[in-house]
Amino acid sequence: MKNRFRIRMGLCLFLGFCTCVHAQANSTAQKSDARETTRAIHASGTFDVKLTPLRQDGAPGDSSLGGMTIAKQYHGDLDAIGRGQMLTAMTPIKGSAGYVAIERVTGTLHGRRGSFVLQHSGTMARGAQQLTITVVPDSGTEQLTGLAGKLTIKISEGKHFYNFEYTRAPDP
């Protein structure tokens, strides 16, 4: 019963944050060196997500803290899988909670192969939601070395959508 509650609350936290957040991606050009600037690139598509509860070793009867594993399949400009872990905190006040997550994304972004790490941070304060998902600096590998950016999520009619504004280091 507790496990079902945690799954439901974790999904509500994750999906609730995703549904109502429309963070503006930073699309200003960034200088990569004194001679060249890099412009923001836009990627979009859909994704499927599966959340699985983690075993809790907390204090008996404390259901305020929880954890989940994240498994995603991205489609569209980002053709990749995402794997990660989420930690959640519930409060006794309805509509107030928080979550953090780390997710490694592996695949192709506009045809460039590699991986990178996304850092999620979300809060709900009595229903007011805020979500930030950013690329961890210097986490890009292979053809995604130098990747930086922000990802936003929207859920419409049960389908998950992402928008990803990013920059990457220029080709050598």
C-alpha atoms as a PDB file:
ATOM      1  CA  MET A   1       0.000   0.000   0.000  1.00  0.00           C
ATOM      2  CA  LYS A   2       2.808   2.412   0.938  1.00  0.00           C
ATOM      3  CA  ASN A   3       4.621   1.506  -2.284  1.00  0.00           C
ATOM      4  CA  ARG A   4       1.540   2.301  -4.382  1.00  0.00           C
ATOM      5  CA  PHE A   5       1.193   5.622  -2.560  1.00  0.00           C
ATOM      6  CA  ARG A   6       4.849   6.475  -3.251  1.00  0.00           C
ATOM      7  CA  ILE A   7       4.505   5.545  -6.926  1.00  0.00           C
ATOM      8  CA  ARG A   8       1.361   7.644  -7.245  1.00  0.00           C
ATOM      9  CA  MET A   9       2.910  10.614  -5.408  1.00  0.00           C
ATOM     10  CA  GLY A  10       6.153  10.326  -7.387  1.00  0.00           C
ATOM     11  CA  LEU A  11       4.235  10.295 -10.653  1.00  0.00           C
ATOM     12  CA  CYS A  12       2.112  13.240  -9.490  1.00  0.00           C
ATOM     13  CA  LEU A  13       5.236  15.158  -8.521  1.00  0.00           C
ATOM     14  CA  PHE A  14       7.050  14.401 -11.754  1.00  0.00           C
ATOM     15  CA  LEU A  15       4.092  14.783 -14.071  1.00  0.00           C
ATOM     16  CA  GLY A  16       2.683  17.745 -12.143  1.00  0.00           C
ATOM     17  CA  PHE A  17       5.935  19.615 -12.506  1.00  0.00           C
ATOM     18  CA  CYS A  18       6.135  18.742 -16.170  1.00  0.00           C
ATOM     19  CA  THR A  19       2.557  19.695 -17.006  1.00  0.00           C
ATOM     20  CA  CYS A  20       2.534  23.259 -15.784  1.00  0.00           C
ATOM     21  CA  VAL A  21       6.100  24.393 -16.308  1.00  0.00           C
ATOM     22  CA  HIS A  22       6.915  26.457 -19.346  1.00  0.00           C
ATOM     23  CA  ALA A  23      10.374  27.737 -18.467  1.00  0.00           C
ATOM     24  CA  GLN A  24      11.880  30.066 -21.007  1.00  0.00           C
ATOM     25  CA  ALA A  25      15.081  28.537 -22.408  1.00  0.00           C
ATOM     26  CA  ASN A  26      18.096  30.777 -22.504  1.00  0.00           C
ATOM     27  CA  SER A  27      18.675  31.292 -26.207  1.00  0.00           C
ATOM     28  CA  THR A  28      21.174  34.104 -26.160  1.00  0.00           C
ATOM     29  CA  ALA A  29      24.343  33.492 -28.138  1.00  0.00           C
ATOM     30  CA  GLN A  30      27.402  32.517 -26.103  1.00  0.00           C
ATOM     31  CA  LYS A  31      30.983  33.200 -27.094  1.00  0.00           C
ATOM     32  CA  SER A  32      33.034  30.052 -27.599  1.00  0.00           C
ATOM     33  CA  ASP A  33      36.240  32.019 -28.142  1.00  0.00           C
ATOM     34  CA  ALA A  34      37.332  35.555 -29.029  1.00  0.00           C
ATOM     35  CA  ARG A  35      36.590  35.058 -32.755  1.00  0.00           C
ATOM     36  CA  GLU A  36      33.498  32.894 -32.966  1.00  0.00           C
ATOM     37  CA  THR A  37      30.057  32.786 -31.337  1.00  0.00           C
ATOM     38  CA  THR A  38      27.775  29.787 -31.033  1.00  0.00           C
ATOM     39  CA  ARG A  39      24.047  30.180 -31.680  1.00  0.00           C
ATOM     40  CA  ALA A  40      21.322  28.365 -29.804  1.00  0.00           C
ATOM     41  CA  ILE A  41      19.892  25.310 -31.546  1.00  0.00           C
ATOM     42  CA  HIS A  42      16.354  24.034 -30.997  1.00  0.00           C
ATOM     43  CA  ALA A  43      15.439  20.344 -30.688  1.00  0.00           C
ATOM     44  CA  SER A  44      11.977  18.965 -30.022  1.00  0.00           C
ATOM     45  CA  GLY A  45      10.025  15.741 -29.949  1.00  0.00           C
ATOM     46  CA  THR A  46       8.244  13.327 -27.658  1.00  0.00           C
ATOM     47  CA  PHE A  47       9.337  10.889 -24.991  1.00  0.00           C
ATOM     48  CA  ASP A  48       8.032   7.914 -23.047  1.00  0.00           C
ATOM     49  CA  VAL A  49       8.807   7.631 -19.330  1.00  0.00           C
ATOM     50  CA  LYS A  50       8.656   4.868 -16.746  1.00  0.00           C
ATOM     51  CA  LEU A  51       9.198   5.569 -13.034  1.00  0.00           C
ATOM     52  CA  THR A  52       9.973   2.707 -10.636  1.00  0.00           C
ATOM     53  CA  PRO A  53      10.087   3.175  -6.842  1.00  0.00           C
ATOM     54  CA  LEU A  54      13.394   2.648  -5.050  1.00  0.00           C
ATOM     55  CA  ARG A  55      13.576   0.671  -1.808  1.00  0.00           C
ATOM     56  CA  GLN A  56      13.383   3.062   1.121  1.00  0.00           C
ATOM     57  CA  ASP A  57      15.664   2.701   4.150  1.00  0.00           C
ATOM     58  CA  GLY A  58      14.315   5.769   5.978  1.00  0.00           C
ATOM     59  CA  ALA A  59      12.636   5.965   9.346  1.00  0.00           C
ATOM     60  CA  PRO A  60       9.684   3.569   9.731  1.00  0.00           C
ATOM     61  CA  GLY A  61       6.403   5.258   8.915  1.00  0.00           C
ATOM     62  CA  ASP A  62       8.086   8.247   7.194  1.00  0.00           C
ATOM     63  CA  SER A  63       6.520   8.431   3.742  1.00  0.00           C
ATOM     64  CA  SER A  64       7.613  12.051   3.182  1.00  0.00           C
ATOM     65  CA  LEU A  65      10.862  11.039   1.432  1.00  0.00           C
ATOM     66  CA  GLY A  66      10.927   8.799  -1.603  1.00  0.00           C
ATOM     67  CA  GLY A  67      12.941   7.817  -4.626  1.00  0.00           C
ATOM     68  CA  MET A  68      12.401   6.495  -8.134  1.00  0.00           C
ATOM     69  CA  THR A  69      14.455   5.241 -11.036  1.00  0.00           C
ATOM     70  CA  ILE A  70      13.782   6.991 -14.353  1.00  0.00           C
ATOM     71  CA  ALA A  71      13.719   5.202 -17.717  1.00  0.00           C
ATOM     72  CA  LYS A  72      12.976   7.341 -20.797  1.00  0.00           C
ATOM     73  CA  GLN A  73      12.915   6.864 -24.543  1.00  0.00           C
ATOM     74  CA  TYR A  74      13.294  10.133 -26.482  1.00  0.00           C
ATOM     75  CA  HIS A  75      11.979  10.469 -30.058  1.00  0.00           C
ATOM     76  CA  GLY A  76      12.432  13.266 -32.596  1.00  0.00           C
ATOM     77  CA  ASP A  77      15.500  15.488 -32.843  1.00  0.00           C
ATOM     78  CA  LEU A  78      16.828  13.699 -29.752  1.00  0.00           C
ATOM     79  CA  ASP A  79      16.818   9.950 -30.437  1.00  0.00           C
ATOM     80  CA  ALA A  80      18.087   8.557 -27.162  1.00  0.00           C
ATOM     81  CA  ILE A  81      17.479   6.737 -23.922  1.00  0.00           C
ATOM     82  CA  GLY A  82      17.583   8.415 -20.527  1.00  0.00           C
ATOM     83  CA  ARG A  83      18.376   6.599 -17.285  1.00  0.00           C
ATOM     84  CA  GLY A  84      18.479   8.213 -13.874  1.00  0.00           C
ATOM     85  CA  GLN A  85      17.334   8.526 -10.290  1.00  0.00           C
ATOM     86  CA  MET A  86      14.900  10.896  -8.629  1.00  0.00           C
ATOM     87  CA  LEU A  87      14.567  11.870  -4.959  1.00  0.00           C
ATOM     88  CA  THR A  88      11.260  13.309  -3.756  1.00  0.00           C
ATOM     89  CA  ALA A  89      10.097  15.142  -0.640  1.00  0.00           C
ATOM     90  CA  MET A  90       6.428  15.444   0.263  1.00  0.00           C
ATOM     91  CA  THR A  91       5.007  17.826   2.866  1.00  0.00           C
ATOM     92  CA  PRO A  92       1.782  17.691   4.870  1.00  0.00           C
ATOM     93  CA  ILE A  93       0.560  20.759   2.927  1.00  0.00           C
ATOM     94  CA  LYS A  94      -1.397  19.760  -0.178  1.00  0.00           C
ATOM     95  CA  GLY A  95       0.385  20.886  -3.356  1.00  0.00           C
ATOM     96  CA  SER A  96       3.788  21.419  -1.711  1.00  0.00           C
ATOM     97  CA  ALA A  97       6.672  19.095  -2.550  1.00  0.00           C
ATOM     98  CA  GLY A  98      10.056  18.922  -4.236  1.00  0.00           C
ATOM     99  CA  TYR A  99      12.192  16.665  -6.378  1.00  0.00           C
ATOM    100  CA  VAL A 100      15.715  16.466  -7.729  1.00  0.00           C
ATOM    101  CA  ALA A 101      16.989  14.021 -10.339  1.00  0.00           C
ATOM    102  CA  ILE A 102      20.061  13.169 -12.367  1.00  0.00           C
ATOM    103  CA  GLU A 103      19.581  11.562 -15.784  1.00  0.00           C
ATOM    104  CA  ARG A 104      22.187  10.327 -18.276  1.00  0.00           C
ATOM    105  CA  VAL A 105      20.962  10.649 -21.879  1.00  0.00           C
ATOM    106  CA  THR A 106      22.667   8.456 -24.497  1.00  0.00           C
ATOM    107  CA  GLY A 107      21.979   8.483 -28.235  1.00  0.00           C
ATOM    108  CA  THR A 108      21.940  11.080 -31.002  1.00  0.00           C
ATOM    109  CA  LEU A 109      21.022  14.772 -30.993  1.00  0.00           C
ATOM    110  CA  HIS A 110      20.424  16.085 -34.507  1.00  0.00           C
ATOM    111  CA  GLY A 111      22.468  13.115 -35.755  1.00  0.00           C
ATOM    112  CA  ARG A 112      25.437  13.688 -33.432  1.00  0.00           C
ATOM    113  CA  ARG A 113      26.228  10.675 -31.237  1.00  0.00           C
ATOM    114  CA  GLY A 114      27.194  10.804 -27.571  1.00  0.00           C
ATOM    115  CA  SER A 115      25.822  11.232 -24.093  1.00  0.00           C
ATOM    116  CA  PHE A 116      25.235  14.006 -21.581  1.00  0.00           C
ATOM    117  CA  VAL A 117      23.748  14.432 -18.120  1.00  0.00           C
ATOM    118  CA  LEU A 118      20.579  16.371 -17.245  1.00  0.00           C
ATOM    119  CA  GLN A 119      20.030  17.807 -13.768  1.00  0.00           C
ATOM    120  CA  HIS A 120      16.375  18.258 -12.703  1.00  0.00           C
ATOM    121  CA  SER A 121      15.217  20.498  -9.844  1.00  0.00           C
ATOM    122  CA  GLY A 122      11.516  21.020  -9.184  1.00  0.00           C
ATOM    123  CA  THR A 123       9.387  22.513  -6.437  1.00  0.00           C
ATOM    124  CA  MET A 124       5.682  22.970  -5.837  1.00  0.00           C
ATOM    125  CA  ALA A 125       4.570  25.583  -3.299  1.00  0.00           C
ATOM    126  CA  ARG A 126       0.829  25.097  -2.669  1.00  0.00           C
ATOM    127  CA  GLY A 127       0.363  24.250  -6.340  1.00  0.00           C
ATOM    128  CA  ALA A 128       2.696  26.893  -7.840  1.00  0.00           C
ATOM    129  CA  GLN A 129       5.284  24.914  -9.785  1.00  0.00           C
ATOM    130  CA  GLN A 130       8.824  25.575 -10.896  1.00  0.00           C
ATOM    131  CA  LEU A 131      11.027  23.153 -12.853  1.00  0.00           C
ATOM    132  CA  THR A 132      14.553  23.584 -14.177  1.00  0.00           C
ATOM    133  CA  ILE A 133      16.291  20.929 -16.280  1.00  0.00           C
ATOM    134  CA  THR A 134      19.819  21.809 -17.384  1.00  0.00           C
ATOM    135  CA  VAL A 135      22.759  20.029 -18.982  1.00  0.00           C
ATOM    136  CA  VAL A 136      25.477  19.403 -16.393  1.00  0.00           C
ATOM    137  CA  PRO A 137      28.515  21.428 -17.555  1.00  0.00           C
ATOM    138  CA  ASP A 138      31.188  19.385 -19.362  1.00  0.00           C
ATOM    139  CA  SER A 139      29.105  16.180 -19.241  1.00  0.00           C
ATOM    140  CA  GLY A 140      28.864  15.808 -23.038  1.00  0.00           C
ATOM    141  CA  THR A 141      30.819  12.976 -24.659  1.00  0.00           C
ATOM    142  CA  GLU A 142      31.915  12.066 -28.191  1.00  0.00           C
ATOM    143  CA  GLN A 143      30.211  14.364 -30.745  1.00  0.00           C
ATOM    144  CA  LEU A 144      28.278  16.104 -27.940  1.00  0.00           C
ATOM    145  CA  THR A 145      31.377  17.414 -26.165  1.00  0.00           C
ATOM    146  CA  GLY A 146      30.835  21.030 -25.124  1.00  0.00           C
ATOM    147  CA  LEU A 147      27.037  20.673 -24.990  1.00  0.00           C
ATOM    148  CA  ALA A 148      25.156  23.186 -22.812  1.00  0.00           C
ATOM    149  CA  GLY A 149      21.466  23.973 -22.593  1.00  0.00           C
ATOM    150  CA  LYS A 150      18.050  23.751 -20.972  1.00  0.00           C
ATOM    151  CA  LEU A 151      15.218  21.323 -21.561  1.00  0.00           C
ATOM    152  CA  THR A 152      11.527  21.991 -20.927  1.00  0.00           C
ATOM    153  CA  ILE A 153       8.731  19.447 -20.705  1.00  0.00           C
ATOM    154  CA  LYS A 154       5.047  19.687 -21.527  1.00  0.00           C
ATOM    155  CA  ILE A 155       2.339  17.047 -21.177  1.00  0.00           C
ATOM    156  CA  SER A 156      -0.737  17.329 -23.358  1.00  0.00           C
ATOM    157  CA  GLU A 157      -3.511  14.735 -23.556  1.00  0.00           C
ATOM    158  CA  GLY A 158      -1.274  12.181 -21.802  1.00  0.00           C
ATOM    159  CA  LYS A 159       1.607  12.585 -24.283  1.00  0.00           C
ATOM    160  CA  HIS A 160       5.038  13.907 -23.178  1.00  0.00           C
ATOM    161  CA  PHE A 161       6.813  16.572 -25.255  1.00  0.00           C
ATOM    162  CA  TYR A 162      10.264  18.147 -24.835  1.00  0.00           C
ATOM    163  CA  ASN A 163      11.852  21.328 -26.139  1.00  0.00           C
ATOM    164  CA  PHE A 164      15.614  21.564 -25.869  1.00  0.00           C
ATOM    165  CA  GLU A 165      17.524  24.806 -26.471  1.00  0.00           C
ATOM    166  CA  TYR A 166      21.237  24.061 -26.599  1.00  0.00           C
ATOM    167  CA  THR A 167      24.638  25.149 -27.773  1.00  0.00           C
ATOM    168  CA  ARG A 168      27.671  23.003 -28.422  1.00  0.00           C
ATOM    169  CA  ALA A 169      31.349  23.585 -28.949  1.00  0.00           C
ATOM    170  CA  PRO A 170      32.206  24.353 -32.581  1.00  0.00           C
ATOM    171  CA  ASP A 171      33.725  21.573 -34.685  1.00  0.00           C
ATOM    172  CA  PRO A 172      37.532  21.662 -34.612  1.00  0.00           C
END
